[in-house]
Amino acid sequence: MKAPLFKDIVAAADRIAGVAIETPLLENPLLNEDLGARIFLKPENLQRVGAFKFRGAYNRLVQLTPEERTRGVVAFSSGNHAQGVASAAKILGIEATIVMPSDAPEMKVENTRGYGARVVLYDRATESREDIAAEIAREKGSVVVPAFEDPHIIAGQGTAALEVIRQVGERGAKLDAFLCPVGGGGLASGSGIVLNELSPETKVYGVEPQNFDDLGRSLKSGQRETNEKFSGSVCDALLSPSTGDLTFSILQQRLDGAFSVSDDEALGAVKYAWQKLKLVLEPGGATGLAALLYGKLGVRGMTVAVLLSGGNVDEETFIRALSADMR
């Protein structure tokens, strides 16, 4: 697979226009004051299905041939890609089967079913979601829609950063840094391509859950590293075993670094977003904000954009977050 080019992201933006939501760019004086910086927030929790994943899913599915559409699609995901594919498939009249971990938040499972998809559950620790999806695809002839290791998916995710650059420009500002969450790396890859093209002076960083920091380790070692565990973080949306060959090849060239945040820091960011920004985020979607709030990157005097990637948080986790110590 070849990496998407900037022009592919522009084309993706045209395809999803009028279907995906162009989410706003927010600025909050309390956050600016707390960090001594100008911070722009891109709330993809306000996107269709509550996460950026709809962008890539729709861009991939809308390009299927009529014959491919009749065979249906199969995807594997812990929740947000699942919902993105299920929603896009419903809009386009395509049958969808989604392979999801049995420990995925119940809300994400039910939402995926609510979009009309068939859900197949598996055990993260003992079963391979890729193998299960491949078997379903063989049986039914379905098209596999990867969560991140696909140029059309990456191009679709990059449209969020494309909007950020235009919206920041409309404010008469220039970015010193851009942060976004990283799981498999599709969003960070697409964002990196856009930022390198339109704002090459901007530093681009990924933010991962602590102990699932394969990207940070990979950037240091120069080769793709894998996480030892597949579960065990509150940031369920980001728990990929590793980046893909394609996404890592892009991230190696396009990113300036990666940070990791603890579960407590991610929960603290969820609480801050609710308390001060009036936004509902899931922990994985708040890792970029957590990196700023907990000093992973010194930003005083800088202008920074943070992509808030999703808001599909279950009730138990949200209550836990609101009880978090934000110190």
C-alpha atoms as a PDB file:
ATOM      1  CA  MET A   1       0.000   0.000   0.000  1.00  0.00           C
ATOM      2  CA  LYS A   2       1.172   3.487  -0.829  1.00  0.00           C
ATOM      3  CA  ALA A   3       0.769   6.375   1.595  1.00  0.00           C
ATOM      4  CA  PRO A   4      -1.888   8.911   0.647  1.00  0.00           C
ATOM      5  CA  LEU A   5      -0.728  12.222  -0.731  1.00  0.00           C
ATOM      6  CA  PHE A   6      -1.955  15.643   0.338  1.00  0.00           C
ATOM      7  CA  LYS A   7      -4.161  15.773  -2.763  1.00  0.00           C
ATOM      8  CA  ASP A   8      -5.859  12.558  -1.608  1.00  0.00           C
ATOM      9  CA  ILE A   9      -6.858  14.240   1.650  1.00  0.00           C
ATOM     10  CA  VAL A  10      -8.259  17.202  -0.270  1.00  0.00           C
ATOM     11  CA  ALA A  11     -10.249  14.769  -2.425  1.00  0.00           C
ATOM     12  CA  ALA A  12     -11.492  12.995   0.707  1.00  0.00           C
ATOM     13  CA  ALA A  13     -12.706  16.319   2.084  1.00  0.00           C
ATOM     14  CA  ASP A  14     -14.796  16.785  -1.055  1.00  0.00           C
ATOM     15  CA  ARG A  15     -16.265  13.275  -0.736  1.00  0.00           C
ATOM     16  CA  ILE A  16     -17.346  13.627   2.878  1.00  0.00           C
ATOM     17  CA  ALA A  17     -18.585  17.223   2.548  1.00  0.00           C
ATOM     18  CA  GLY A  18     -22.236  17.515   3.512  1.00  0.00           C
ATOM     19  CA  VAL A  19     -22.197  14.108   5.187  1.00  0.00           C
ATOM     20  CA  ALA A  20     -19.529  14.423   7.870  1.00  0.00           C
ATOM     21  CA  ILE A  21     -19.817  17.372  10.232  1.00  0.00           C
ATOM     22  CA  GLU A  22     -17.297  20.177   9.946  1.00  0.00           C
ATOM     23  CA  THR A  23     -16.614  20.444  13.657  1.00  0.00           C
ATOM     24  CA  PRO A  24     -15.842  23.896  15.091  1.00  0.00           C
ATOM     25  CA  LEU A  25     -12.499  25.174  16.331  1.00  0.00           C
ATOM     26  CA  LEU A  26     -12.883  26.253  19.940  1.00  0.00           C
ATOM     27  CA  GLU A  27     -10.852  28.567  22.116  1.00  0.00           C
ATOM     28  CA  ASN A  28     -11.435  28.881  25.854  1.00  0.00           C
ATOM     29  CA  PRO A  29     -10.050  31.764  27.934  1.00  0.00           C
ATOM     30  CA  LEU A  30      -9.816  29.626  31.075  1.00  0.00           C
ATOM     31  CA  LEU A  31      -7.643  27.050  29.313  1.00  0.00           C
ATOM     32  CA  ASN A  32      -5.499  29.769  27.750  1.00  0.00           C
ATOM     33  CA  GLU A  33      -4.999  31.351  31.166  1.00  0.00           C
ATOM     34  CA  ASP A  34      -4.211  28.037  32.872  1.00  0.00           C
ATOM     35  CA  LEU A  35      -1.524  27.170  30.316  1.00  0.00           C
ATOM     36  CA  GLY A  36      -0.249  30.642  29.472  1.00  0.00           C
ATOM     37  CA  ALA A  37      -0.771  29.862  25.798  1.00  0.00           C
ATOM     38  CA  ARG A  38      -3.282  30.172  22.999  1.00  0.00           C
ATOM     39  CA  ILE A  39      -4.950  26.783  22.660  1.00  0.00           C
ATOM     40  CA  PHE A  40      -7.309  25.778  19.865  1.00  0.00           C
ATOM     41  CA  LEU A  41      -9.486  22.701  20.369  1.00  0.00           C
ATOM     42  CA  LYS A  42     -10.926  20.581  17.547  1.00  0.00           C
ATOM     43  CA  PRO A  43     -13.845  18.699  19.202  1.00  0.00           C
ATOM     44  CA  GLU A  44     -14.357  15.576  17.112  1.00  0.00           C
ATOM     45  CA  ASN A  45     -16.569  14.308  19.911  1.00  0.00           C
ATOM     46  CA  LEU A  46     -19.175  16.422  18.096  1.00  0.00           C
ATOM     47  CA  GLN A  47     -18.637  14.456  14.864  1.00  0.00           C
ATOM     48  CA  ARG A  48     -21.120  11.842  13.639  1.00  0.00           C
ATOM     49  CA  VAL A  49     -20.882   8.767  15.929  1.00  0.00           C
ATOM     50  CA  GLY A  50     -19.062  10.932  18.487  1.00  0.00           C
ATOM     51  CA  ALA A  51     -15.585  10.472  17.012  1.00  0.00           C
ATOM     52  CA  PHE A  52     -13.351  11.373  14.066  1.00  0.00           C
ATOM     53  CA  LYS A  53     -13.562   7.788  12.792  1.00  0.00           C
ATOM     54  CA  PHE A  54     -16.621   8.528  10.664  1.00  0.00           C
ATOM     55  CA  ARG A  55     -14.442  10.596   8.321  1.00  0.00           C
ATOM     56  CA  GLY A  56     -12.204   7.734   7.254  1.00  0.00           C
ATOM     57  CA  ALA A  57     -14.945   5.131   7.248  1.00  0.00           C
ATOM     58  CA  TYR A  58     -17.193   7.117   4.926  1.00  0.00           C
ATOM     59  CA  ASN A  59     -14.300   8.029   2.621  1.00  0.00           C
ATOM     60  CA  ARG A  60     -13.460   4.330   2.299  1.00  0.00           C
ATOM     61  CA  LEU A  61     -16.984   2.996   1.849  1.00  0.00           C
ATOM     62  CA  VAL A  62     -18.224   5.628  -0.579  1.00  0.00           C
ATOM     63  CA  GLN A  63     -15.496   4.529  -3.023  1.00  0.00           C
ATOM     64  CA  LEU A  64     -16.613   0.877  -3.103  1.00  0.00           C
ATOM     65  CA  THR A  65     -17.894  -0.334  -6.452  1.00  0.00           C
ATOM     66  CA  PRO A  66     -21.565  -1.290  -6.790  1.00  0.00           C
ATOM     67  CA  GLU A  67     -20.525  -4.967  -6.869  1.00  0.00           C
ATOM     68  CA  GLU A  68     -18.412  -4.602  -3.711  1.00  0.00           C
ATOM     69  CA  ARG A  69     -21.300  -2.919  -1.913  1.00  0.00           C
ATOM     70  CA  THR A  70     -23.543  -5.924  -2.522  1.00  0.00           C
ATOM     71  CA  ARG A  71     -21.005  -8.151  -0.711  1.00  0.00           C
ATOM     72  CA  GLY A  72     -20.999  -6.011   2.432  1.00  0.00           C
ATOM     73  CA  VAL A  73     -18.127  -4.923   4.650  1.00  0.00           C
ATOM     74  CA  VAL A  74     -16.431  -6.286   7.752  1.00  0.00           C
ATOM     75  CA  ALA A  75     -14.350  -4.269  10.215  1.00  0.00           C
ATOM     76  CA  PHE A  76     -12.660  -4.794  13.584  1.00  0.00           C
ATOM     77  CA  SER A  77     -12.598  -2.152  16.275  1.00  0.00           C
ATOM     78  CA  SER A  78     -12.839  -1.462  20.000  1.00  0.00           C
ATOM     79  CA  GLY A  79     -15.689   0.916  19.335  1.00  0.00           C
ATOM     80  CA  ASN A  80     -15.224   4.165  17.450  1.00  0.00           C
ATOM     81  CA  HIS A  81     -14.169   2.727  14.081  1.00  0.00           C
ATOM     82  CA  ALA A  82     -16.952   0.183  14.566  1.00  0.00           C
ATOM     83  CA  GLN A  83     -19.509   2.939  14.900  1.00  0.00           C
ATOM     84  CA  GLY A  84     -17.989   4.910  12.035  1.00  0.00           C
ATOM     85  CA  VAL A  85     -18.179   1.962   9.643  1.00  0.00           C
ATOM     86  CA  ALA A  86     -21.648   0.968  10.842  1.00  0.00           C
ATOM     87  CA  SER A  87     -22.983   4.499  10.376  1.00  0.00           C
ATOM     88  CA  ALA A  88     -21.349   4.991   6.968  1.00  0.00           C
ATOM     89  CA  ALA A  89     -22.630   1.592   5.840  1.00  0.00           C
ATOM     90  CA  LYS A  90     -26.169   2.459   6.922  1.00  0.00           C
ATOM     91  CA  ILE A  91     -26.073   5.747   5.005  1.00  0.00           C
ATOM     92  CA  LEU A  92     -24.806   3.967   1.870  1.00  0.00           C
ATOM     93  CA  GLY A  93     -27.093   0.940   2.192  1.00  0.00           C
ATOM     94  CA  ILE A  94     -24.276  -1.573   2.781  1.00  0.00           C
ATOM     95  CA  GLU A  95     -24.479  -4.576   5.121  1.00  0.00           C
ATOM     96  CA  ALA A  96     -21.824  -4.358   7.868  1.00  0.00           C
ATOM     97  CA  THR A  97     -20.336  -6.902  10.281  1.00  0.00           C
ATOM     98  CA  ILE A  98     -18.123  -5.556  13.085  1.00  0.00           C
ATOM     99  CA  VAL A  99     -15.681  -7.618  15.173  1.00  0.00           C
ATOM    100  CA  MET A 100     -15.418  -6.021  18.631  1.00  0.00           C
ATOM    101  CA  PRO A 101     -13.596  -6.997  21.854  1.00  0.00           C
ATOM    102  CA  SER A 102     -15.787  -8.442  24.571  1.00  0.00           C
ATOM    103  CA  ASP A 103     -14.486  -5.796  27.001  1.00  0.00           C
ATOM    104  CA  ALA A 104     -15.463  -2.871  24.776  1.00  0.00           C
ATOM    105  CA  PRO A 105     -17.693  -0.332  26.535  1.00  0.00           C
ATOM    106  CA  GLU A 106     -21.276  -1.548  26.333  1.00  0.00           C
ATOM    107  CA  MET A 107     -22.375   1.828  25.003  1.00  0.00           C
ATOM    108  CA  LYS A 108     -20.090   1.463  21.980  1.00  0.00           C
ATOM    109  CA  VAL A 109     -21.324  -2.065  21.300  1.00  0.00           C
ATOM    110  CA  GLU A 110     -24.975  -1.048  21.536  1.00  0.00           C
ATOM    111  CA  ASN A 111     -24.447   2.058  19.404  1.00  0.00           C
ATOM    112  CA  THR A 112     -22.794  -0.077  16.724  1.00  0.00           C
ATOM    113  CA  ARG A 113     -25.769  -2.435  16.736  1.00  0.00           C
ATOM    114  CA  GLY A 114     -28.044   0.587  16.688  1.00  0.00           C
ATOM    115  CA  TYR A 115     -26.622   1.596  13.308  1.00  0.00           C
ATOM    116  CA  GLY A 116     -27.743  -1.779  11.976  1.00  0.00           C
ATOM    117  CA  ALA A 117     -24.435  -3.647  12.028  1.00  0.00           C
ATOM    118  CA  ARG A 118     -23.998  -7.256  13.125  1.00  0.00           C
ATOM    119  CA  VAL A 119     -21.535  -7.411  16.033  1.00  0.00           C
ATOM    120  CA  VAL A 120     -19.209 -10.382  16.625  1.00  0.00           C
ATOM    121  CA  LEU A 121     -17.425 -10.312  19.996  1.00  0.00           C
ATOM    122  CA  TYR A 122     -13.938 -11.722  20.680  1.00  0.00           C
ATOM    123  CA  ASP A 123     -11.414 -12.006  23.532  1.00  0.00           C
ATOM    124  CA  ARG A 124      -8.532  -9.509  23.133  1.00  0.00           C
ATOM    125  CA  ALA A 125      -6.146 -11.715  25.104  1.00  0.00           C
ATOM    126  CA  THR A 126      -6.692 -15.030  23.323  1.00  0.00           C
ATOM    127  CA  GLU A 127      -8.182 -14.329  19.886  1.00  0.00           C
ATOM    128  CA  SER A 128      -7.105 -12.391  16.798  1.00  0.00           C
ATOM    129  CA  ARG A 129      -9.592  -9.853  15.510  1.00  0.00           C
ATOM    130  CA  GLU A 130      -7.794  -9.811  12.157  1.00  0.00           C
ATOM    131  CA  ASP A 131      -8.182 -13.579  11.761  1.00  0.00           C
ATOM    132  CA  ILE A 132     -11.867 -13.472  12.711  1.00  0.00           C
ATOM    133  CA  ALA A 133     -12.558 -10.643  10.270  1.00  0.00           C
ATOM    134  CA  ALA A 134     -10.613 -12.422   7.523  1.00  0.00           C
ATOM    135  CA  GLU A 135     -12.652 -15.594   8.033  1.00  0.00           C
ATOM    136  CA  ILE A 136     -15.923 -13.651   7.842  1.00  0.00           C
ATOM    137  CA  ALA A 137     -14.678 -11.950   4.686  1.00  0.00           C
ATOM    138  CA  ARG A 138     -13.830 -15.337   3.130  1.00  0.00           C
ATOM    139  CA  GLU A 139     -17.226 -16.783   3.997  1.00  0.00           C
ATOM    140  CA  LYS A 140     -19.276 -13.875   2.713  1.00  0.00           C
ATOM    141  CA  GLY A 141     -16.932 -12.214   0.237  1.00  0.00           C
ATOM    142  CA  SER A 142     -17.099  -9.033   2.327  1.00  0.00           C
ATOM    143  CA  VAL A 143     -14.664  -6.153   1.924  1.00  0.00           C
ATOM    144  CA  VAL A 144     -12.422  -5.717   4.975  1.00  0.00           C
ATOM    145  CA  VAL A 145     -12.279  -2.111   6.205  1.00  0.00           C
ATOM    146  CA  PRO A 146      -9.188  -1.680   8.426  1.00  0.00           C
ATOM    147  CA  ALA A 147      -9.238   0.763  11.308  1.00  0.00           C
ATOM    148  CA  PHE A 148      -6.089   2.591  10.193  1.00  0.00           C
ATOM    149  CA  GLU A 149      -3.887   0.575   7.816  1.00  0.00           C
ATOM    150  CA  ASP A 150      -5.509   1.843   4.621  1.00  0.00           C
ATOM    151  CA  PRO A 151      -4.684   4.927   2.520  1.00  0.00           C
ATOM    152  CA  HIS A 152      -8.362   5.857   2.078  1.00  0.00           C
ATOM    153  CA  ILE A 153      -8.943   5.662   5.842  1.00  0.00           C
ATOM    154  CA  ILE A 154      -5.855   7.783   6.517  1.00  0.00           C
ATOM    155  CA  ALA A 155      -6.924  10.345   3.914  1.00  0.00           C
ATOM    156  CA  GLY A 156     -10.363  10.610   5.485  1.00  0.00           C
ATOM    157  CA  GLN A 157      -8.950  11.106   8.965  1.00  0.00           C
ATOM    158  CA  GLY A 158      -6.627  13.804   7.645  1.00  0.00           C
ATOM    159  CA  THR A 159      -9.608  15.983   6.734  1.00  0.00           C
ATOM    160  CA  ALA A 160      -9.928  16.986  10.400  1.00  0.00           C
ATOM    161  CA  ALA A 161      -6.460  18.566  10.326  1.00  0.00           C
ATOM    162  CA  LEU A 162      -7.282  20.150   6.973  1.00  0.00           C
ATOM    163  CA  GLU A 163     -10.181  21.932   8.661  1.00  0.00           C
ATOM    164  CA  VAL A 164      -7.977  22.920  11.604  1.00  0.00           C
ATOM    165  CA  ILE A 165      -5.430  24.698   9.397  1.00  0.00           C
ATOM    166  CA  ARG A 166      -8.126  26.637   7.560  1.00  0.00           C
ATOM    167  CA  GLN A 167      -9.964  27.532  10.770  1.00  0.00           C
ATOM    168  CA  VAL A 168      -6.769  28.655  12.506  1.00  0.00           C
ATOM    169  CA  GLY A 169      -5.926  30.797   9.478  1.00  0.00           C
ATOM    170  CA  GLU A 170      -9.343  32.424   9.663  1.00  0.00           C
ATOM    171  CA  ARG A 171      -8.400  33.512  13.198  1.00  0.00           C
ATOM    172  CA  GLY A 172      -5.207  35.099  11.884  1.00  0.00           C
ATOM    173  CA  ALA A 173      -3.048  32.643  13.824  1.00  0.00           C
ATOM    174  CA  LYS A 174      -0.199  30.245  13.067  1.00  0.00           C
ATOM    175  CA  LEU A 175       0.404  27.033  14.953  1.00  0.00           C
ATOM    176  CA  ASP A 176       3.564  26.260  16.869  1.00  0.00           C
ATOM    177  CA  ALA A 177       2.393  22.743  17.719  1.00  0.00           C
ATOM    178  CA  PHE A 178      -0.368  20.252  16.958  1.00  0.00           C
ATOM    179  CA  LEU A 179      -1.263  17.301  19.199  1.00  0.00           C
ATOM    180  CA  CYS A 180      -3.556  14.352  18.570  1.00  0.00           C
ATOM    181  CA  PRO A 181      -4.208  10.947  20.150  1.00  0.00           C
ATOM    182  CA  VAL A 182      -2.523   7.868  18.689  1.00  0.00           C
ATOM    183  CA  GLY A 183      -3.684   4.255  18.653  1.00  0.00           C
ATOM    184  CA  GLY A 184      -3.022   2.676  15.272  1.00  0.00           C
ATOM    185  CA  GLY A 185      -1.847   5.972  13.833  1.00  0.00           C
ATOM    186  CA  GLY A 186      -4.375   6.719  11.088  1.00  0.00           C
ATOM    187  CA  LEU A 187      -5.402  10.104  12.489  1.00  0.00           C
ATOM    188  CA  ALA A 188      -1.831  11.132  13.295  1.00  0.00           C
ATOM    189  CA  SER A 189      -0.652  10.016   9.841  1.00  0.00           C
ATOM    190  CA  GLY A 190      -3.296  12.019   8.002  1.00  0.00           C
ATOM    191  CA  SER A 191      -2.717  15.000  10.281  1.00  0.00           C
ATOM    192  CA  GLY A 192       1.032  14.838   9.747  1.00  0.00           C
ATOM    193  CA  ILE A 193       0.642  14.870   5.973  1.00  0.00           C
ATOM    194  CA  VAL A 194      -1.605  17.954   6.160  1.00  0.00           C
ATOM    195  CA  LEU A 195       0.543  19.854   8.658  1.00  0.00           C
ATOM    196  CA  ASN A 196       3.754  19.139   6.768  1.00  0.00           C
ATOM    197  CA  GLU A 197       2.156  20.446   3.575  1.00  0.00           C
ATOM    198  CA  LEU A 198       0.310  23.529   4.828  1.00  0.00           C
ATOM    199  CA  SER A 199       2.180  24.478   8.000  1.00  0.00           C
ATOM    200  CA  PRO A 200       5.665  22.904   7.867  1.00  0.00           C
ATOM    201  CA  GLU A 201       6.916  25.032  10.758  1.00  0.00           C
ATOM    202  CA  THR A 202       4.364  23.427  13.097  1.00  0.00           C
ATOM    203  CA  LYS A 203       5.619  20.622  15.364  1.00  0.00           C
ATOM    204  CA  VAL A 204       3.335  17.571  15.242  1.00  0.00           C
ATOM    205  CA  TYR A 205       3.055  15.222  18.228  1.00  0.00           C
ATOM    206  CA  GLY A 206       1.148  12.055  18.971  1.00  0.00           C
ATOM    207  CA  VAL A 207      -0.121  11.203  22.463  1.00  0.00           C
ATOM    208  CA  GLU A 208      -0.549   7.619  23.685  1.00  0.00           C
ATOM    209  CA  PRO A 209      -1.677   5.865  26.864  1.00  0.00           C
ATOM    210  CA  GLN A 210       1.087   5.000  29.310  1.00  0.00           C
ATOM    211  CA  ASN A 211       2.264   1.387  28.900  1.00  0.00           C
ATOM    212  CA  PHE A 212       0.778   1.374  25.400  1.00  0.00           C
ATOM    213  CA  ASP A 213       3.398   3.741  24.007  1.00  0.00           C
ATOM    214  CA  ASP A 214       4.522   1.652  21.039  1.00  0.00           C
ATOM    215  CA  LEU A 215       4.788   4.700  18.777  1.00  0.00           C
ATOM    216  CA  GLY A 216       7.085   6.580  21.151  1.00  0.00           C
ATOM    217  CA  ARG A 217       9.308   3.512  21.464  1.00  0.00           C
ATOM    218  CA  SER A 218       9.190   2.925  17.712  1.00  0.00           C
ATOM    219  CA  LEU A 219      10.278   6.471  16.930  1.00  0.00           C
ATOM    220  CA  LYS A 220      13.249   6.047  19.260  1.00  0.00           C
ATOM    221  CA  SER A 221      14.302   2.602  18.008  1.00  0.00           C
ATOM    222  CA  GLY A 222      13.658   3.304  14.340  1.00  0.00           C
ATOM    223  CA  GLN A 223      11.553   0.175  13.936  1.00  0.00           C
ATOM    224  CA  ARG A 224       7.939  -0.737  14.640  1.00  0.00           C
ATOM    225  CA  GLU A 225       7.509  -1.832  18.256  1.00  0.00           C
ATOM    226  CA  THR A 226       4.576  -3.765  19.730  1.00  0.00           C
ATOM    227  CA  ASN A 227       2.780  -3.367  23.050  1.00  0.00           C
ATOM    228  CA  GLU A 228       3.142  -6.257  25.466  1.00  0.00           C
ATOM    229  CA  LYS A 229      -0.518  -6.011  26.554  1.00  0.00           C
ATOM    230  CA  PHE A 230      -3.680  -5.592  24.524  1.00  0.00           C
ATOM    231  CA  SER A 231      -5.913  -4.315  27.326  1.00  0.00           C
ATOM    232  CA  GLY A 232      -5.634  -2.633  30.703  1.00  0.00           C
ATOM    233  CA  SER A 233      -6.020   1.094  30.089  1.00  0.00           C
ATOM    234  CA  VAL A 234      -8.976   3.408  30.515  1.00  0.00           C
ATOM    235  CA  CYS A 235      -8.117   4.734  27.030  1.00  0.00           C
ATOM    236  CA  ASP A 236      -9.875   1.822  25.297  1.00  0.00           C
ATOM    237  CA  ALA A 237     -10.112   3.679  21.977  1.00  0.00           C
ATOM    238  CA  LEU A 238      -6.311   3.721  21.644  1.00  0.00           C
ATOM    239  CA  LEU A 239      -5.458   0.125  22.544  1.00  0.00           C
ATOM    240  CA  SER A 240      -3.974  -1.114  19.300  1.00  0.00           C
ATOM    241  CA  PRO A 241      -1.169  -3.695  19.499  1.00  0.00           C
ATOM    242  CA  SER A 242       0.965  -1.335  17.422  1.00  0.00           C
ATOM    243  CA  THR A 243       0.885   1.089  14.553  1.00  0.00           C
ATOM    244  CA  GLY A 244       0.750  -0.478  11.093  1.00  0.00           C
ATOM    245  CA  ASP A 245       3.566  -0.769   8.596  1.00  0.00           C
ATOM    246  CA  LEU A 246       1.938   1.950   6.510  1.00  0.00           C
ATOM    247  CA  THR A 247       1.077   4.316   9.342  1.00  0.00           C
ATOM    248  CA  PHE A 248       4.482   3.934  10.985  1.00  0.00           C
ATOM    249  CA  SER A 249       6.254   4.676   7.709  1.00  0.00           C
ATOM    250  CA  ILE A 250       4.286   7.934   7.537  1.00  0.00           C
ATOM    251  CA  LEU A 251       4.695   8.814  11.213  1.00  0.00           C
ATOM    252  CA  GLN A 252       8.459   8.284  11.063  1.00  0.00           C
ATOM    253  CA  GLN A 253       8.647  11.035   8.458  1.00  0.00           C
ATOM    254  CA  ARG A 254       5.875  13.342   9.609  1.00  0.00           C
ATOM    255  CA  LEU A 255       5.894  13.428  13.421  1.00  0.00           C
ATOM    256  CA  ASP A 256       8.237  15.348  15.683  1.00  0.00           C
ATOM    257  CA  GLY A 257       7.669  13.085  18.673  1.00  0.00           C
ATOM    258  CA  ALA A 258       5.201  11.299  20.915  1.00  0.00           C
ATOM    259  CA  PHE A 259       4.157  11.633  24.554  1.00  0.00           C
ATOM    260  CA  SER A 260       2.365   9.231  26.864  1.00  0.00           C
ATOM    261  CA  VAL A 261      -0.153   9.986  29.605  1.00  0.00           C
ATOM    262  CA  SER A 262      -1.295   7.871  32.535  1.00  0.00           C
ATOM    263  CA  ASP A 263      -4.858   6.752  33.130  1.00  0.00           C
ATOM    264  CA  ASP A 264      -5.139   9.275  35.965  1.00  0.00           C
ATOM    265  CA  GLU A 265      -3.969  12.067  33.664  1.00  0.00           C
ATOM    266  CA  ALA A 266      -6.409  11.071  30.921  1.00  0.00           C
ATOM    267  CA  LEU A 267      -9.250  10.961  33.466  1.00  0.00           C
ATOM    268  CA  GLY A 268      -8.145  14.326  34.832  1.00  0.00           C
ATOM    269  CA  ALA A 269      -8.378  15.771  31.326  1.00  0.00           C
ATOM    270  CA  VAL A 270     -11.895  14.349  30.929  1.00  0.00           C
ATOM    271  CA  LYS A 271     -12.858  16.062  34.181  1.00  0.00           C
ATOM    272  CA  TYR A 272     -11.237  19.355  33.107  1.00  0.00           C
ATOM    273  CA  ALA A 273     -13.058  19.247  29.757  1.00  0.00           C
ATOM    274  CA  TRP A 274     -16.400  18.720  31.487  1.00  0.00           C
ATOM    275  CA  GLN A 275     -15.790  21.191  34.298  1.00  0.00           C
ATOM    276  CA  LYS A 276     -14.172  24.086  32.425  1.00  0.00           C
ATOM    277  CA  LEU A 277     -14.677  23.516  28.711  1.00  0.00           C
ATOM    278  CA  LYS A 278     -18.215  22.068  28.899  1.00  0.00           C
ATOM    279  CA  LEU A 279     -17.235  19.160  26.656  1.00  0.00           C
ATOM    280  CA  VAL A 280     -17.819  15.449  27.186  1.00  0.00           C
ATOM    281  CA  LEU A 281     -14.759  13.423  26.155  1.00  0.00           C
ATOM    282  CA  GLU A 282     -13.704   9.806  26.483  1.00  0.00           C
ATOM    283  CA  PRO A 283     -10.250   9.246  28.048  1.00  0.00           C
ATOM    284  CA  GLY A 284      -8.639   8.197  24.769  1.00  0.00           C
ATOM    285  CA  GLY A 285     -10.020  11.287  23.073  1.00  0.00           C
ATOM    286  CA  ALA A 286      -8.593  13.523  25.797  1.00  0.00           C
ATOM    287  CA  THR A 287      -4.950  12.391  25.716  1.00  0.00           C
ATOM    288  CA  GLY A 288      -3.791  15.442  23.759  1.00  0.00           C
ATOM    289  CA  LEU A 289      -5.426  17.744  26.279  1.00  0.00           C
ATOM    290  CA  ALA A 290      -3.932  15.675  29.112  1.00  0.00           C
ATOM    291  CA  ALA A 291      -0.459  16.113  27.630  1.00  0.00           C
ATOM    292  CA  LEU A 292      -0.855  19.891  27.895  1.00  0.00           C
ATOM    293  CA  LEU A 293      -2.507  19.947  31.314  1.00  0.00           C
ATOM    294  CA  TYR A 294       0.171  17.710  32.839  1.00  0.00           C
ATOM    295  CA  GLY A 295       3.176  19.412  31.295  1.00  0.00           C
ATOM    296  CA  LYS A 296       4.346  16.820  28.770  1.00  0.00           C
ATOM    297  CA  LEU A 297       5.084  19.700  26.410  1.00  0.00           C
ATOM    298  CA  GLY A 298       5.985  23.201  27.531  1.00  0.00           C
ATOM    299  CA  VAL A 299       3.614  25.509  25.661  1.00  0.00           C
ATOM    300  CA  ARG A 300       3.803  28.831  27.517  1.00  0.00           C
ATOM    301  CA  GLY A 301       3.625  31.642  24.970  1.00  0.00           C
ATOM    302  CA  MET A 302       2.831  29.254  22.129  1.00  0.00           C
ATOM    303  CA  THR A 303      -0.159  28.721  19.844  1.00  0.00           C
ATOM    304  CA  VAL A 304      -1.232  25.084  19.885  1.00  0.00           C
ATOM    305  CA  ALA A 305      -4.037  22.999  18.359  1.00  0.00           C
ATOM    306  CA  VAL A 306      -5.298  19.864  20.086  1.00  0.00           C
ATOM    307  CA  LEU A 307      -7.510  17.344  18.385  1.00  0.00           C
ATOM    308  CA  LEU A 308     -10.071  15.893  20.793  1.00  0.00           C
ATOM    309  CA  SER A 309     -10.740  12.629  19.007  1.00  0.00           C
ATOM    310  CA  GLY A 310     -13.898  11.283  20.638  1.00  0.00           C
ATOM    311  CA  GLY A 311     -16.536  11.470  23.326  1.00  0.00           C
ATOM    312  CA  ASN A 312     -17.971   7.949  23.567  1.00  0.00           C
ATOM    313  CA  VAL A 313     -17.483   7.506  27.293  1.00  0.00           C
ATOM    314  CA  ASP A 314     -19.558   5.037  29.291  1.00  0.00           C
ATOM    315  CA  GLU A 315     -21.298   6.090  32.489  1.00  0.00           C
ATOM    316  CA  GLU A 316     -18.989   4.210  34.867  1.00  0.00           C
ATOM    317  CA  THR A 317     -15.822   5.683  33.355  1.00  0.00           C
ATOM    318  CA  PHE A 318     -17.288   9.177  33.266  1.00  0.00           C
ATOM    319  CA  ILE A 319     -18.242   8.999  36.947  1.00  0.00           C
ATOM    320  CA  ARG A 320     -14.731   7.783  37.704  1.00  0.00           C
ATOM    321  CA  ALA A 321     -13.314  10.723  35.768  1.00  0.00           C
ATOM    322  CA  LEU A 322     -15.419  13.274  37.620  1.00  0.00           C
ATOM    323  CA  SER A 323     -13.985  11.895  40.863  1.00  0.00           C
ATOM    324  CA  ALA A 324     -10.402  12.233  39.593  1.00  0.00           C
ATOM    325  CA  ASP A 325      -7.779  14.376  41.319  1.00  0.00           C
ATOM    326  CA  MET A 326      -6.720  16.957  38.735  1.00  0.00           C
ATOM    327  CA  ARG A 327      -3.510  18.016  40.493  1.00  0.00           C
END
